[in-house]
């Protein structure tokens, strides 16, 4: 079996959760039974988009789970509405 990996990137630095001009401190976790090297803790957005992950050959029952976390600055309520970010996941083998 050929090795497989996943690379995370963000078009135009869009990895941070934003709502208009409001931004949240954004972190991600990629976990699952398909990964040889999943995240054990939250990874800051700027670091997350530079990582590469190795996929195990676990068959059709293997899974990947992507989690996102946004934290408002201290003593500040998050802006009302929807916060959005954009990531690209590229698999190679």
N, C-alpha and C. Protein backbone atom coordinates (compact mmCIF):
# COMPACT_ATOMS: atom_id res chain seq x y z
N UNK A 1 0.83 -1.19 0.00
CA UNK A 1 0.00 0.00 0.00
C UNK A 1 0.87 1.26 0.00
N UNK A 2 0.48 2.22 -0.81
CA UNK A 2 1.21 3.49 -0.87
C UNK A 2 0.88 4.33 0.35
N UNK A 3 1.87 5.05 0.90
CA UNK A 3 1.58 5.94 2.03
C UNK A 3 0.65 7.07 1.59
N UNK A 4 -0.19 7.49 2.52
CA UNK A 4 -1.14 8.57 2.25
C UNK A 4 -0.98 9.62 3.33
N UNK A 5 -1.10 10.88 2.95
CA UNK A 5 -1.03 11.97 3.92
C UNK A 5 -2.07 13.03 3.59
N UNK A 6 -2.37 13.83 4.60
CA UNK A 6 -3.31 14.95 4.46
C UNK A 6 -2.55 16.22 4.81
N UNK A 7 -2.71 17.23 3.99
CA UNK A 7 -2.12 18.54 4.24
C UNK A 7 -3.27 19.54 4.41
N UNK A 8 -3.18 20.35 5.44
CA UNK A 8 -4.19 21.37 5.72
C UNK A 8 -3.64 22.72 5.27
N UNK A 9 -4.45 23.50 4.56
CA UNK A 9 -4.05 24.85 4.18
C UNK A 9 -5.27 25.76 4.26
N UNK A 10 -5.04 27.04 4.12
CA UNK A 10 -6.13 28.02 4.15
C UNK A 10 -5.91 29.04 3.05
N UNK A 11 -6.88 29.17 2.15
CA UNK A 11 -6.73 30.16 1.08
C UNK A 11 -6.75 31.58 1.64
N UNK A 12 -5.70 32.33 1.39
CA UNK A 12 -5.68 33.73 1.81
C UNK A 12 -5.75 33.95 3.30
N UNK A 13 -5.17 33.07 4.10
CA UNK A 13 -5.16 33.22 5.57
C UNK A 13 -6.57 33.29 6.15
N UNK A 14 -7.44 32.39 5.70
CA UNK A 14 -8.84 32.39 6.17
C UNK A 14 -9.09 31.37 7.27
N UNK A 15 -8.03 30.92 7.97
CA UNK A 15 -8.19 29.89 8.98
C UNK A 15 -8.74 30.41 10.31
N UNK A 16 -8.78 31.72 10.50
CA UNK A 16 -9.27 32.31 11.74
C UNK A 16 -10.78 32.56 11.64
N UNK A 17 -11.51 32.15 12.69
CA UNK A 17 -12.95 32.39 12.72
C UNK A 17 -13.22 33.90 12.79
N UNK A 18 -13.99 34.40 11.84
CA UNK A 18 -14.32 35.82 11.79
C UNK A 18 -15.81 36.04 11.57
N UNK A 19 -16.26 37.19 12.01
CA UNK A 19 -17.64 37.62 11.84
C UNK A 19 -17.57 39.12 11.57
N UNK A 20 -17.55 39.49 10.31
CA UNK A 20 -17.34 40.89 9.97
C UNK A 20 -15.93 41.29 10.36
N UNK A 21 -15.80 42.29 11.24
CA UNK A 21 -14.47 42.71 11.68
C UNK A 21 -14.06 42.04 13.00
N UNK A 22 -14.96 41.26 13.58
CA UNK A 22 -14.69 40.55 14.83
C UNK A 22 -13.98 39.22 14.54
N UNK A 23 -12.91 38.94 15.29
CA UNK A 23 -12.21 37.66 15.13
C UNK A 23 -12.14 36.95 16.48
N UNK A 24 -12.06 35.64 16.41
CA UNK A 24 -11.91 34.81 17.60
C UNK A 24 -10.54 34.12 17.55
N UNK A 25 -9.93 33.93 18.71
CA UNK A 25 -8.70 33.13 18.76
C UNK A 25 -9.11 31.71 18.37
N UNK A 26 -8.59 31.23 17.25
CA UNK A 26 -9.08 29.98 16.66
C UNK A 26 -8.04 28.87 16.79
N UNK A 27 -8.53 27.69 17.18
CA UNK A 27 -7.70 26.49 17.28
C UNK A 27 -8.44 25.33 16.65
N UNK A 28 -7.68 24.32 16.23
CA UNK A 28 -8.27 23.14 15.59
C UNK A 28 -7.68 21.87 16.18
N UNK A 29 -8.41 20.77 16.00
CA UNK A 29 -7.94 19.43 16.31
C UNK A 29 -8.37 18.51 15.19
N UNK A 30 -7.46 17.68 14.70
CA UNK A 30 -7.80 16.64 13.74
C UNK A 30 -7.50 15.31 14.43
N UNK A 31 -8.53 14.47 14.58
CA UNK A 31 -8.38 13.20 15.27
C UNK A 31 -9.07 12.11 14.44
N UNK A 32 -8.99 10.89 14.92
CA UNK A 32 -9.71 9.80 14.28
C UNK A 32 -8.86 8.55 14.14
N UNK A 33 -9.54 7.45 13.91
CA UNK A 33 -8.87 6.15 13.81
C UNK A 33 -8.05 6.02 12.54
N UNK A 34 -8.26 6.89 11.56
CA UNK A 34 -7.52 6.82 10.30
C UNK A 34 -6.15 7.48 10.39
N UNK A 35 -5.89 8.22 11.48
CA UNK A 35 -4.64 8.98 11.59
C UNK A 35 -3.58 8.26 12.40
N UNK A 36 -2.35 8.31 11.91
CA UNK A 36 -1.21 7.79 12.66
C UNK A 36 -0.74 8.82 13.68
N UNK A 37 -1.03 10.10 13.43
CA UNK A 37 -0.47 11.18 14.24
C UNK A 37 -1.47 12.30 14.47
N UNK A 38 -2.65 11.95 14.95
CA UNK A 38 -3.68 12.95 15.21
C UNK A 38 -3.29 13.89 16.35
N UNK A 39 -4.03 14.97 16.47
CA UNK A 39 -3.76 15.97 17.50
C UNK A 39 -4.30 15.52 18.85
N UNK A 40 -3.48 15.64 19.89
CA UNK A 40 -3.90 15.31 21.24
C UNK A 40 -4.43 16.52 21.98
N UNK A 41 -4.25 17.70 21.42
CA UNK A 41 -4.68 18.94 22.06
C UNK A 41 -5.02 19.94 20.96
N UNK A 42 -5.56 21.08 21.35
CA UNK A 42 -5.89 22.13 20.40
C UNK A 42 -4.61 22.70 19.78
N UNK A 43 -4.65 22.94 18.47
CA UNK A 43 -3.52 23.49 17.73
C UNK A 43 -3.92 24.88 17.22
N UNK A 44 -3.15 25.93 17.53
CA UNK A 44 -3.48 27.27 17.03
C UNK A 44 -3.64 27.26 15.50
N UNK A 45 -4.57 28.05 15.01
CA UNK A 45 -4.91 28.06 13.58
C UNK A 45 -3.69 28.27 12.68
N UNK A 46 -2.80 29.20 13.05
CA UNK A 46 -1.64 29.48 12.20
C UNK A 46 -0.70 28.27 12.11
N UNK A 47 -0.61 27.48 13.16
CA UNK A 47 0.21 26.27 13.15
C UNK A 47 -0.52 25.14 12.44
N UNK A 48 -1.82 25.03 12.66
CA UNK A 48 -2.61 23.95 12.08
C UNK A 48 -2.51 23.91 10.56
N UNK A 49 -2.48 25.08 9.93
CA UNK A 49 -2.44 25.11 8.45
C UNK A 49 -1.04 24.85 7.89
N UNK A 50 -0.09 24.51 8.74
CA UNK A 50 1.24 24.13 8.26
C UNK A 50 1.52 22.65 8.51
N UNK A 51 0.55 21.93 9.08
CA UNK A 51 0.78 20.54 9.46
C UNK A 51 0.47 19.57 8.33
N UNK A 52 1.08 18.40 8.43
CA UNK A 52 0.79 17.27 7.55
C UNK A 52 0.50 16.07 8.44
N UNK A 53 -0.49 15.28 8.09
CA UNK A 53 -0.90 14.12 8.87
C UNK A 53 -0.76 12.86 8.03
N UNK A 54 -0.39 11.75 8.66
CA UNK A 54 -0.23 10.48 7.96
C UNK A 54 -1.45 9.59 8.19
N UNK A 55 -1.98 9.04 7.11
CA UNK A 55 -3.17 8.20 7.15
C UNK A 55 -2.75 6.74 7.23
N UNK A 56 -3.38 6.01 8.15
CA UNK A 56 -3.17 4.57 8.27
C UNK A 56 -4.06 3.86 7.27
N UNK A 57 -3.74 2.66 6.93
CA UNK A 57 -4.58 1.85 6.05
C UNK A 57 -5.54 1.04 6.93
N UNK A 58 -6.60 1.70 7.42
CA UNK A 58 -7.54 1.07 8.35
C UNK A 58 -8.81 0.56 7.69
N UNK A 59 -8.98 0.74 6.41
CA UNK A 59 -10.19 0.26 5.74
C UNK A 59 -11.34 1.25 5.85
N UNK A 60 -12.51 0.81 5.38
CA UNK A 60 -13.66 1.72 5.26
C UNK A 60 -14.25 2.19 6.59
N UNK A 61 -13.94 1.54 7.70
CA UNK A 61 -14.48 1.96 8.98
C UNK A 61 -13.68 3.05 9.66
N UNK A 62 -12.54 3.44 9.09
CA UNK A 62 -11.69 4.46 9.70
C UNK A 62 -12.34 5.83 9.56
N UNK A 63 -12.08 6.69 10.53
CA UNK A 63 -12.71 8.01 10.49
C UNK A 63 -11.71 9.13 10.75
N UNK A 64 -12.08 10.31 10.29
CA UNK A 64 -11.37 11.56 10.58
C UNK A 64 -12.37 12.52 11.20
N UNK A 65 -11.96 13.24 12.23
CA UNK A 65 -12.83 14.21 12.88
C UNK A 65 -12.07 15.53 12.99
N UNK A 66 -12.67 16.59 12.46
CA UNK A 66 -12.09 17.92 12.53
C UNK A 66 -12.92 18.76 13.49
N UNK A 67 -12.26 19.30 14.51
CA UNK A 67 -12.91 20.14 15.50
C UNK A 67 -12.35 21.56 15.39
N UNK A 68 -13.21 22.55 15.61
CA UNK A 68 -12.78 23.95 15.62
C UNK A 68 -13.23 24.58 16.93
N UNK A 69 -12.40 25.46 17.46
CA UNK A 69 -12.71 26.17 18.70
C UNK A 69 -12.40 27.65 18.51
N UNK A 70 -13.34 28.50 18.88
CA UNK A 70 -13.13 29.94 18.82
C UNK A 70 -13.32 30.55 20.19
N UNK A 71 -12.39 31.40 20.60
CA UNK A 71 -12.44 32.03 21.92
C UNK A 71 -12.37 33.54 21.74
N UNK A 72 -13.35 34.23 22.35
CA UNK A 72 -13.38 35.69 22.29
C UNK A 72 -12.32 36.27 23.22
N UNK A 73 -11.84 37.48 22.92
CA UNK A 73 -10.88 38.13 23.81
C UNK A 73 -11.47 38.27 25.22
N UNK A 74 -10.60 38.29 26.24
CA UNK A 74 -11.04 38.41 27.62
C UNK A 74 -11.92 39.65 27.80
N UNK A 75 -12.96 39.51 28.59
CA UNK A 75 -13.89 40.60 28.90
C UNK A 75 -14.62 41.14 27.67
N UNK A 76 -14.74 40.34 26.62
CA UNK A 76 -15.43 40.77 25.42
C UNK A 76 -16.38 39.66 24.97
N UNK A 77 -17.62 40.01 24.76
CA UNK A 77 -18.58 39.04 24.25
C UNK A 77 -18.36 38.87 22.75
N UNK A 78 -18.51 37.64 22.24
CA UNK A 78 -18.38 37.46 20.79
C UNK A 78 -19.49 38.22 20.06
N UNK A 79 -19.21 38.67 18.86
CA UNK A 79 -20.21 39.37 18.06
C UNK A 79 -21.35 38.40 17.73
N UNK A 80 -22.57 38.93 17.69
CA UNK A 80 -23.72 38.11 17.32
C UNK A 80 -23.62 37.71 15.85
N UNK A 81 -24.11 36.53 15.53
CA UNK A 81 -24.10 36.08 14.15
C UNK A 81 -23.24 34.85 13.97
N UNK A 82 -22.85 34.61 12.76
CA UNK A 82 -22.10 33.40 12.40
C UNK A 82 -20.63 33.74 12.18
N UNK A 83 -19.77 32.98 12.85
CA UNK A 83 -18.33 33.10 12.61
C UNK A 83 -17.95 32.03 11.58
N UNK A 84 -17.09 32.38 10.64
CA UNK A 84 -16.73 31.46 9.57
C UNK A 84 -15.22 31.47 9.36
N UNK A 85 -14.71 30.31 8.92
CA UNK A 85 -13.32 30.15 8.51
C UNK A 85 -13.32 29.23 7.30
N UNK A 86 -12.22 29.19 6.59
CA UNK A 86 -12.15 28.35 5.39
C UNK A 86 -10.83 27.57 5.40
N UNK A 87 -10.92 26.25 5.27
CA UNK A 87 -9.74 25.39 5.21
C UNK A 87 -9.80 24.54 3.95
N UNK A 88 -8.65 24.14 3.46
CA UNK A 88 -8.56 23.18 2.36
C UNK A 88 -7.81 21.96 2.86
N UNK A 89 -8.40 20.79 2.65
CA UNK A 89 -7.76 19.53 3.02
C UNK A 89 -7.37 18.81 1.74
N UNK A 90 -6.08 18.50 1.60
CA UNK A 90 -5.58 17.85 0.40
C UNK A 90 -4.97 16.50 0.77
N UNK A 91 -5.46 15.43 0.16
CA UNK A 91 -4.91 14.11 0.39
C UNK A 91 -3.96 13.72 -0.73
N UNK A 92 -2.85 13.12 -0.37
CA UNK A 92 -1.89 12.66 -1.39
C UNK A 92 -1.51 11.20 -1.10
N UNK A 93 -1.30 10.43 -2.17
CA UNK A 93 -0.84 9.05 -2.04
C UNK A 93 -0.15 8.62 -3.28
